[in-house]
Amino acid sequence: MKFNKNVSSSRRKNRRRHFQADSAMKRRIMSAPLSKDLRQRYNVRSMPVRKDDEVQVVRGRHKGTSQGKIVAVYRLKYCLHIERVTREKANGTTVHIPIHSSNVVITKLKLDNDRKRILERKKRGREQKQQQDKYTEESAAEAAAVQPMEQ
């Protein structure tokens, strides 16, 4: 069911917006989930990928064994080139195999000041959301006072 009337649910329009997205939007689209230990450490679920992050391929032909640094983020084609994920061409040269960012998990982040600020902002927002969702004894007493139980 469609909830937001300002967002189209048309397949054609969504595909058009996806492939005509500007570089900043493609960066957000090319996010990858963090590994379980990183997720617990930073209290953040996913981050946009960047060049020197270490990732592990978890889906597709190269899953499991393929782990390495990101060599290039190819935003035009929505793919990543990872250090040891290569194949040999017929003429003998080795080329990187493109992997989509949704098929990887970030195992080590390259932290700079901008990234640290992003992590801190996301963590703060997540903690505020958890504080709003908490159900305390006071709120339970208020809810009971507003709606007396019928017998």
N, C-alpha and C. Protein backbone atom coordinates (compact mmCIF):
# COMPACT_ATOMS: atom_id res chain seq x y z
N MET A 1 0.84 -1.18 0.00
CA MET A 1 0.00 0.00 0.00
C MET A 1 0.89 1.24 0.00
N LYS A 2 0.46 2.23 -0.76
CA LYS A 2 1.23 3.46 -0.88
C LYS A 2 0.83 4.43 0.24
N PHE A 3 1.82 4.94 0.98
CA PHE A 3 1.53 5.82 2.10
C PHE A 3 1.81 7.28 1.78
N ASN A 4 2.84 7.56 1.00
CA ASN A 4 3.23 8.93 0.71
C ASN A 4 2.75 9.31 -0.69
N LYS A 5 1.87 10.29 -0.77
CA LYS A 5 1.31 10.65 -2.09
C LYS A 5 2.31 11.41 -2.97
N ASN A 6 3.41 11.88 -2.36
CA ASN A 6 4.41 12.62 -3.14
C ASN A 6 5.43 11.71 -3.81
N VAL A 7 5.41 10.42 -3.51
CA VAL A 7 6.35 9.47 -4.08
C VAL A 7 5.59 8.55 -5.02
N SER A 8 6.10 8.39 -6.22
CA SER A 8 5.43 7.56 -7.21
C SER A 8 5.67 6.08 -6.94
N SER A 9 4.67 5.27 -7.25
CA SER A 9 4.86 3.83 -7.15
C SER A 9 4.97 3.21 -8.54
N SER A 10 5.11 4.06 -9.54
CA SER A 10 5.23 3.59 -10.91
C SER A 10 6.61 2.99 -11.16
N ARG A 11 6.64 1.78 -11.71
CA ARG A 11 7.91 1.12 -12.01
C ARG A 11 8.74 1.95 -12.98
N ARG A 12 8.09 2.48 -13.99
CA ARG A 12 8.80 3.26 -15.00
C ARG A 12 9.47 4.49 -14.39
N LYS A 13 8.75 5.23 -13.56
CA LYS A 13 9.30 6.45 -12.95
C LYS A 13 10.41 6.12 -11.96
N ASN A 14 10.25 5.04 -11.20
CA ASN A 14 11.28 4.66 -10.23
C ASN A 14 12.56 4.22 -10.93
N ARG A 15 12.43 3.47 -12.03
CA ARG A 15 13.62 3.08 -12.80
C ARG A 15 14.31 4.29 -13.39
N ARG A 16 13.52 5.22 -13.88
CA ARG A 16 14.07 6.44 -14.48
C ARG A 16 14.86 7.23 -13.44
N ARG A 17 14.28 7.40 -12.24
CA ARG A 17 14.96 8.15 -11.18
C ARG A 17 16.22 7.43 -10.70
N HIS A 18 16.15 6.10 -10.69
CA HIS A 18 17.31 5.32 -10.25
C HIS A 18 18.48 5.51 -11.21
N PHE A 19 18.25 5.39 -12.50
CA PHE A 19 19.33 5.44 -13.47
C PHE A 19 19.73 6.86 -13.85
N GLN A 20 18.89 7.85 -13.56
CA GLN A 20 19.25 9.23 -13.83
C GLN A 20 19.68 9.97 -12.56
N ALA A 21 19.91 9.24 -11.49
CA ALA A 21 20.27 9.87 -10.22
C ALA A 21 21.63 10.56 -10.34
N ASP A 22 21.78 11.66 -9.59
CA ASP A 22 23.06 12.34 -9.58
C ASP A 22 24.03 11.58 -8.66
N SER A 23 25.27 12.01 -8.64
CA SER A 23 26.31 11.27 -7.94
C SER A 23 26.05 11.19 -6.44
N ALA A 24 25.51 12.23 -5.85
CA ALA A 24 25.23 12.22 -4.41
C ALA A 24 24.14 11.21 -4.07
N MET A 25 23.13 11.11 -4.92
CA MET A 25 22.07 10.13 -4.69
C MET A 25 22.62 8.71 -4.90
N LYS A 26 23.47 8.53 -5.90
CA LYS A 26 24.06 7.21 -6.15
C LYS A 26 24.91 6.78 -4.97
N ARG A 27 25.57 7.72 -4.32
CA ARG A 27 26.36 7.40 -3.13
C ARG A 27 25.46 6.80 -2.05
N ARG A 28 24.29 7.39 -1.82
CA ARG A 28 23.37 6.88 -0.81
C ARG A 28 22.78 5.54 -1.22
N ILE A 29 22.50 5.39 -2.51
CA ILE A 29 21.95 4.13 -3.00
C ILE A 29 22.98 3.01 -2.83
N MET A 30 24.25 3.35 -3.02
CA MET A 30 25.32 2.35 -2.93
C MET A 30 25.80 2.18 -1.49
N SER A 31 24.88 2.01 -0.57
CA SER A 31 25.22 1.74 0.82
C SER A 31 25.31 0.24 1.01
N ALA A 32 26.07 -0.16 2.02
CA ALA A 32 26.20 -1.58 2.35
C ALA A 32 26.05 -1.73 3.86
N PRO A 33 25.51 -2.86 4.30
CA PRO A 33 25.37 -3.07 5.74
C PRO A 33 26.72 -3.29 6.41
N LEU A 34 26.80 -2.94 7.68
CA LEU A 34 28.01 -3.17 8.45
C LEU A 34 27.99 -4.59 9.02
N SER A 35 29.17 -5.14 9.31
CA SER A 35 29.24 -6.46 9.93
C SER A 35 28.69 -6.37 11.36
N LYS A 36 28.43 -7.52 11.97
CA LYS A 36 27.78 -7.54 13.28
C LYS A 36 28.60 -6.84 14.35
N ASP A 37 29.94 -7.04 14.35
CA ASP A 37 30.74 -6.38 15.38
C ASP A 37 30.80 -4.87 15.16
N LEU A 38 30.88 -4.42 13.90
CA LEU A 38 30.86 -2.98 13.63
C LEU A 38 29.50 -2.38 13.98
N ARG A 39 28.45 -3.13 13.70
CA ARG A 39 27.10 -2.65 14.00
C ARG A 39 26.92 -2.46 15.50
N GLN A 40 27.49 -3.35 16.29
CA GLN A 40 27.38 -3.21 17.73
C GLN A 40 28.28 -2.08 18.25
N ARG A 41 29.46 -1.95 17.66
CA ARG A 41 30.39 -0.92 18.13
C ARG A 41 29.87 0.49 17.85
N TYR A 42 29.33 0.71 16.64
CA TYR A 42 28.92 2.06 16.25
C TYR A 42 27.41 2.31 16.38
N ASN A 43 26.63 1.26 16.62
CA ASN A 43 25.17 1.37 16.71
C ASN A 43 24.58 1.96 15.42
N VAL A 44 25.14 1.54 14.28
CA VAL A 44 24.70 1.99 12.96
C VAL A 44 24.55 0.75 12.08
N ARG A 45 23.51 0.72 11.27
CA ARG A 45 23.22 -0.47 10.48
C ARG A 45 23.95 -0.51 9.15
N SER A 46 23.99 0.62 8.42
CA SER A 46 24.63 0.63 7.10
C SER A 46 25.31 1.97 6.84
N MET A 47 26.23 1.96 5.88
CA MET A 47 26.97 3.16 5.49
C MET A 47 27.20 3.14 3.99
N PRO A 48 27.29 4.31 3.37
CA PRO A 48 27.71 4.33 1.97
C PRO A 48 29.16 3.83 1.85
N VAL A 49 29.42 3.01 0.84
CA VAL A 49 30.76 2.45 0.68
C VAL A 49 31.71 3.50 0.15
N ARG A 50 33.00 3.32 0.44
CA ARG A 50 34.01 4.21 -0.12
C ARG A 50 35.27 3.43 -0.43
N LYS A 51 36.24 4.09 -1.02
CA LYS A 51 37.35 3.41 -1.66
C LYS A 51 38.14 2.46 -0.77
N ASP A 52 38.57 2.83 0.39
CA ASP A 52 39.48 1.98 1.16
C ASP A 52 38.81 1.15 2.24
N ASP A 53 37.49 1.01 2.19
CA ASP A 53 36.80 0.12 3.13
C ASP A 53 37.16 -1.33 2.82
N GLU A 54 37.14 -2.17 3.85
CA GLU A 54 37.31 -3.60 3.62
C GLU A 54 35.94 -4.25 3.67
N VAL A 55 35.65 -5.06 2.65
CA VAL A 55 34.33 -5.68 2.53
C VAL A 55 34.47 -7.18 2.32
N GLN A 56 33.37 -7.87 2.58
CA GLN A 56 33.29 -9.30 2.30
C GLN A 56 32.08 -9.54 1.43
N VAL A 57 32.24 -10.29 0.36
CA VAL A 57 31.13 -10.61 -0.54
C VAL A 57 30.30 -11.70 0.11
N VAL A 58 28.99 -11.45 0.26
CA VAL A 58 28.13 -12.42 0.95
C VAL A 58 27.07 -13.02 0.04
N ARG A 59 26.95 -12.53 -1.19
CA ARG A 59 25.98 -13.09 -2.14
C ARG A 59 26.60 -13.20 -3.51
N GLY A 60 26.11 -14.14 -4.28
CA GLY A 60 26.59 -14.30 -5.64
C GLY A 60 27.67 -15.36 -5.75
N ARG A 61 28.27 -15.42 -6.93
CA ARG A 61 29.27 -16.44 -7.24
C ARG A 61 30.52 -16.33 -6.36
N HIS A 62 30.86 -15.12 -5.94
CA HIS A 62 32.12 -14.90 -5.22
C HIS A 62 31.93 -14.79 -3.72
N LYS A 63 30.83 -15.30 -3.19
CA LYS A 63 30.58 -15.13 -1.75
C LYS A 63 31.49 -16.02 -0.91
N GLY A 64 31.67 -15.60 0.34
CA GLY A 64 32.44 -16.40 1.29
C GLY A 64 33.93 -16.17 1.21
N THR A 65 34.55 -16.59 0.14
CA THR A 65 36.01 -16.53 0.06
C THR A 65 36.50 -15.13 -0.29
N SER A 66 35.67 -14.34 -0.93
CA SER A 66 36.12 -13.03 -1.42
C SER A 66 36.02 -11.98 -0.34
N GLN A 67 37.18 -11.54 0.13
CA GLN A 67 37.24 -10.47 1.11
C GLN A 67 38.44 -9.62 0.77
N GLY A 68 38.27 -8.31 0.77
CA GLY A 68 39.38 -7.44 0.44
C GLY A 68 38.99 -5.98 0.47
N LYS A 69 39.96 -5.13 0.14
CA LYS A 69 39.74 -3.70 0.11
C LYS A 69 39.02 -3.30 -1.16
N ILE A 70 38.23 -2.24 -1.07
CA ILE A 70 37.60 -1.69 -2.27
C ILE A 70 38.65 -0.88 -3.03
N VAL A 71 38.84 -1.24 -4.28
CA VAL A 71 39.81 -0.55 -5.13
C VAL A 71 39.17 0.65 -5.80
N ALA A 72 37.91 0.48 -6.23
CA ALA A 72 37.21 1.58 -6.90
C ALA A 72 35.71 1.45 -6.67
N VAL A 73 35.05 2.61 -6.55
CA VAL A 73 33.60 2.66 -6.48
C VAL A 73 33.14 3.27 -7.80
N TYR A 74 32.52 2.46 -8.64
CA TYR A 74 32.13 2.86 -9.99
C TYR A 74 30.66 3.27 -9.95
N ARG A 75 30.42 4.55 -9.64
CA ARG A 75 29.04 5.00 -9.44
C ARG A 75 28.21 4.96 -10.71
N LEU A 76 28.84 5.17 -11.84
CA LEU A 76 28.10 5.17 -13.10
C LEU A 76 27.42 3.83 -13.34
N LYS A 77 28.11 2.74 -13.00
CA LYS A 77 27.56 1.40 -13.21
C LYS A 77 27.03 0.76 -11.93
N TYR A 78 26.97 1.51 -10.83
CA TYR A 78 26.50 0.99 -9.53
C TYR A 78 27.26 -0.25 -9.10
N CYS A 79 28.59 -0.25 -9.19
CA CYS A 79 29.33 -1.45 -8.81
C CYS A 79 30.63 -1.08 -8.10
N LEU A 80 31.20 -2.07 -7.42
CA LEU A 80 32.46 -1.93 -6.71
C LEU A 80 33.50 -2.82 -7.35
N HIS A 81 34.75 -2.42 -7.27
CA HIS A 81 35.85 -3.28 -7.66
C HIS A 81 36.62 -3.59 -6.39
N ILE A 82 36.75 -4.88 -6.08
CA ILE A 82 37.36 -5.32 -4.83
C ILE A 82 38.71 -5.95 -5.14
N GLU A 83 39.63 -5.79 -4.20
CA GLU A 83 41.05 -6.12 -4.37
C GLU A 83 41.32 -7.49 -5.01
N ARG A 84 40.84 -8.57 -4.43
CA ARG A 84 41.21 -9.90 -4.92
C ARG A 84 40.09 -10.57 -5.72
N VAL A 85 39.09 -9.81 -6.11
CA VAL A 85 38.01 -10.38 -6.93
C VAL A 85 38.30 -10.02 -8.38
N THR A 86 39.07 -10.89 -9.05
CA THR A 86 39.50 -10.62 -10.42
C THR A 86 39.31 -11.87 -11.27
N ARG A 87 39.41 -11.68 -12.57
CA ARG A 87 39.43 -12.81 -13.49
C ARG A 87 40.45 -12.51 -14.57
N GLU A 88 40.88 -13.55 -15.26
CA GLU A 88 41.87 -13.39 -16.30
C GLU A 88 41.19 -13.41 -17.67
N LYS A 89 41.51 -12.42 -18.48
CA LYS A 89 40.94 -12.37 -19.82
C LYS A 89 41.70 -13.32 -20.75
N ALA A 90 41.19 -13.46 -21.95
CA ALA A 90 41.79 -14.38 -22.91
C ALA A 90 43.20 -13.97 -23.29
N ASN A 91 43.46 -12.65 -23.30
CA ASN A 91 44.80 -12.19 -23.67
C ASN A 91 45.77 -12.17 -22.48
N GLY A 92 45.32 -12.62 -21.30
CA GLY A 92 46.22 -12.74 -20.16
C GLY A 92 46.13 -11.64 -19.13
N THR A 93 45.46 -10.55 -19.44
CA THR A 93 45.36 -9.46 -18.46
C THR A 93 44.29 -9.79 -17.41
N THR A 94 44.51 -9.30 -16.21
CA THR A 94 43.52 -9.53 -15.15
C THR A 94 42.67 -8.28 -14.99
N VAL A 95 41.38 -8.49 -14.82
CA VAL A 95 40.43 -7.38 -14.64
C VAL A 95 39.61 -7.64 -13.40
N HIS A 96 39.16 -6.55 -12.77
CA HIS A 96 38.30 -6.66 -11.60
C HIS A 96 36.88 -7.02 -12.02
N ILE A 97 36.25 -7.87 -11.22
CA ILE A 97 34.86 -8.24 -11.48
C ILE A 97 33.96 -7.26 -10.74
N PRO A 98 33.01 -6.63 -11.43
CA PRO A 98 32.13 -5.68 -10.73
C PRO A 98 31.15 -6.39 -9.80
N ILE A 99 31.04 -5.88 -8.57
CA ILE A 99 30.14 -6.44 -7.56
C ILE A 99 29.23 -5.31 -7.10
N HIS A 100 27.93 -5.58 -7.01
CA HIS A 100 26.99 -4.57 -6.53
C HIS A 100 27.13 -4.40 -5.02
N SER A 101 26.93 -3.18 -4.53
CA SER A 101 27.15 -2.90 -3.12
C SER A 101 26.18 -3.62 -2.19
N SER A 102 25.02 -4.04 -2.70
CA SER A 102 24.07 -4.76 -1.86
C SER A 102 24.52 -6.19 -1.60
N ASN A 103 25.53 -6.66 -2.32
CA ASN A 103 26.02 -8.03 -2.17
C ASN A 103 27.23 -8.13 -1.25
N VAL A 104 27.59 -7.04 -0.58
CA VAL A 104 28.76 -7.06 0.29
C VAL A 104 28.37 -6.62 1.70
N VAL A 105 29.26 -6.92 2.65
CA VAL A 105 29.14 -6.46 4.04
C VAL A 105 30.45 -5.76 4.38
N ILE A 106 30.36 -4.58 4.96
CA ILE A 106 31.57 -3.84 5.34
C ILE A 106 32.14 -4.45 6.62
N THR A 107 33.40 -4.88 6.55
CA THR A 107 34.04 -5.49 7.72
C THR A 107 35.00 -4.54 8.42
N LYS A 108 35.50 -3.53 7.72
CA LYS A 108 36.40 -2.55 8.32
C LYS A 108 36.19 -1.21 7.62
N LEU A 109 35.92 -0.18 8.39
CA LEU A 109 35.68 1.15 7.83
C LEU A 109 36.97 1.94 7.76
N LYS A 110 37.10 2.74 6.70
CA LYS A 110 38.19 3.71 6.64
C LYS A 110 37.64 4.98 7.28
N LEU A 111 38.11 5.27 8.48
CA LEU A 111 37.56 6.40 9.23
C LEU A 111 38.37 7.66 9.00
N ASP A 112 37.70 8.72 8.57
CA ASP A 112 38.28 10.05 8.57
C ASP A 112 37.30 10.93 9.34
N ASN A 113 37.56 12.22 9.41
CA ASN A 113 36.73 13.09 10.23
C ASN A 113 35.28 13.13 9.76
N ASP A 114 35.06 13.16 8.45
CA ASP A 114 33.69 13.20 7.92
C ASP A 114 32.93 11.93 8.29
N ARG A 115 33.59 10.80 8.14
CA ARG A 115 32.95 9.52 8.45
C ARG A 115 32.63 9.42 9.93
N LYS A 116 33.54 9.89 10.79
CA LYS A 116 33.30 9.86 12.23
C LYS A 116 32.08 10.71 12.58
N ARG A 117 31.97 11.87 11.93
CA ARG A 117 30.81 12.74 12.16
C ARG A 117 29.51 12.08 11.73
N ILE A 118 29.54 11.39 10.58
CA ILE A 118 28.35 10.69 10.08
C ILE A 118 27.94 9.59 11.06
N LEU A 119 28.92 8.81 11.53
CA LEU A 119 28.63 7.74 12.49
C LEU A 119 28.03 8.29 13.78
N GLU A 120 28.60 9.39 14.25
CA GLU A 120 28.12 10.00 15.49
C GLU A 120 26.68 10.50 15.32
N ARG A 121 26.41 11.13 14.17
CA ARG A 121 25.06 11.66 13.91
C ARG A 121 24.03 10.53 13.82
N LYS A 122 24.39 9.45 13.10
CA LYS A 122 23.47 8.32 12.97
C LYS A 122 23.24 7.66 14.33
N LYS A 123 24.29 7.53 15.11
CA LYS A 123 24.18 6.90 16.43
C LYS A 123 23.27 7.73 17.33
N ARG A 124 23.44 9.06 17.31
CA ARG A 124 22.63 9.94 18.13
C ARG A 124 21.15 9.82 17.75
N GLY A 125 20.87 9.81 16.46
CA GLY A 125 19.49 9.69 15.99
C GLY A 125 18.87 8.36 16.39
N ARG A 126 19.66 7.30 16.32
CA ARG A 126 19.16 5.97 16.68
C ARG A 126 18.86 5.88 18.17
N GLU A 127 19.73 6.50 18.99
CA GLU A 127 19.51 6.49 20.43
C GLU A 127 18.27 7.30 20.81
N GLN A 128 18.06 8.44 20.13
CA GLN A 128 16.86 9.24 20.40
C GLN A 128 15.61 8.46 20.05
N LYS A 129 15.64 7.74 18.95
CA LYS A 129 14.50 6.93 18.54
C LYS A 129 14.21 5.84 19.58
N GLN A 130 15.27 5.22 20.10
CA GLN A 130 15.09 4.18 21.11
C GLN A 130 14.53 4.76 22.40
N GLN A 131 14.93 5.99 22.75
CA GLN A 131 14.39 6.63 23.95
C GLN A 131 12.90 6.92 23.79
N GLN A 132 12.48 7.31 22.59
CA GLN A 132 11.07 7.58 22.33
C GLN A 132 10.24 6.31 22.39
N ASP A 133 10.82 5.21 21.95
CA ASP A 133 10.09 3.95 21.88
C ASP A 133 10.00 3.23 23.21
N LYS A 134 10.78 3.67 24.21
CA LYS A 134 10.78 2.96 25.50
C LYS A 134 9.44 3.10 26.19
N TYR A 135 9.03 2.02 26.82
CA TYR A 135 7.77 1.98 27.54
C TYR A 135 8.09 1.85 29.02
N THR A 136 7.97 2.95 29.76
CA THR A 136 8.36 2.97 31.16
C THR A 136 7.15 2.75 32.07
N GLU A 137 7.42 2.61 33.35
CA GLU A 137 6.34 2.39 34.31
C GLU A 137 5.44 3.61 34.40
N GLU A 138 6.04 4.82 34.30
CA GLU A 138 5.23 6.05 34.36
C GLU A 138 4.27 6.12 33.18
N SER A 139 4.79 5.80 31.98
CA SER A 139 3.92 5.87 30.80
C SER A 139 2.84 4.79 30.87
N ALA A 140 3.15 3.65 31.48
CA ALA A 140 2.14 2.60 31.65
C ALA A 140 1.06 3.06 32.61
N ALA A 141 1.48 3.75 33.68
CA ALA A 141 0.50 4.26 34.65
C ALA A 141 -0.39 5.32 34.02
N GLU A 142 0.21 6.19 33.19
CA GLU A 142 -0.57 7.23 32.51
C GLU A 142 -1.58 6.61 31.56
N ALA A 143 -1.14 5.59 30.81
CA ALA A 143 -2.04 4.93 29.87
C ALA A 143 -3.18 4.24 30.60
N ALA A 144 -2.90 3.67 31.76
CA ALA A 144 -3.94 2.99 32.55
C ALA A 144 -4.93 4.01 33.11
N ALA A 145 -4.43 5.20 33.49
CA ALA A 145 -5.31 6.23 34.04
C ALA A 145 -6.23 6.80 32.96
N VAL A 146 -5.73 6.91 31.76
CA VAL A 146 -6.52 7.47 30.66
C VAL A 146 -7.60 6.48 30.22
N GLN A 147 -7.27 5.21 30.11
CA GLN A 147 -8.22 4.20 29.67
C GLN A 147 -8.43 3.17 30.79
N PRO A 148 -9.41 3.38 31.65
CA PRO A 148 -9.66 2.39 32.70
C PRO A 148 -10.14 1.08 32.08
N MET A 149 -9.71 -0.01 32.69
CA MET A 149 -10.05 -1.33 32.16
C MET A 149 -11.51 -1.63 32.44
N GLU A 150 -12.18 -2.18 31.43
CA GLU A 150 -13.60 -2.54 31.57
C GLU A 150 -13.71 -3.98 32.04
N GLN A 151 -14.70 -4.22 32.95
CA GLN A 151 -14.91 -5.58 33.45
C GLN A 151 -16.33 -6.02 33.28
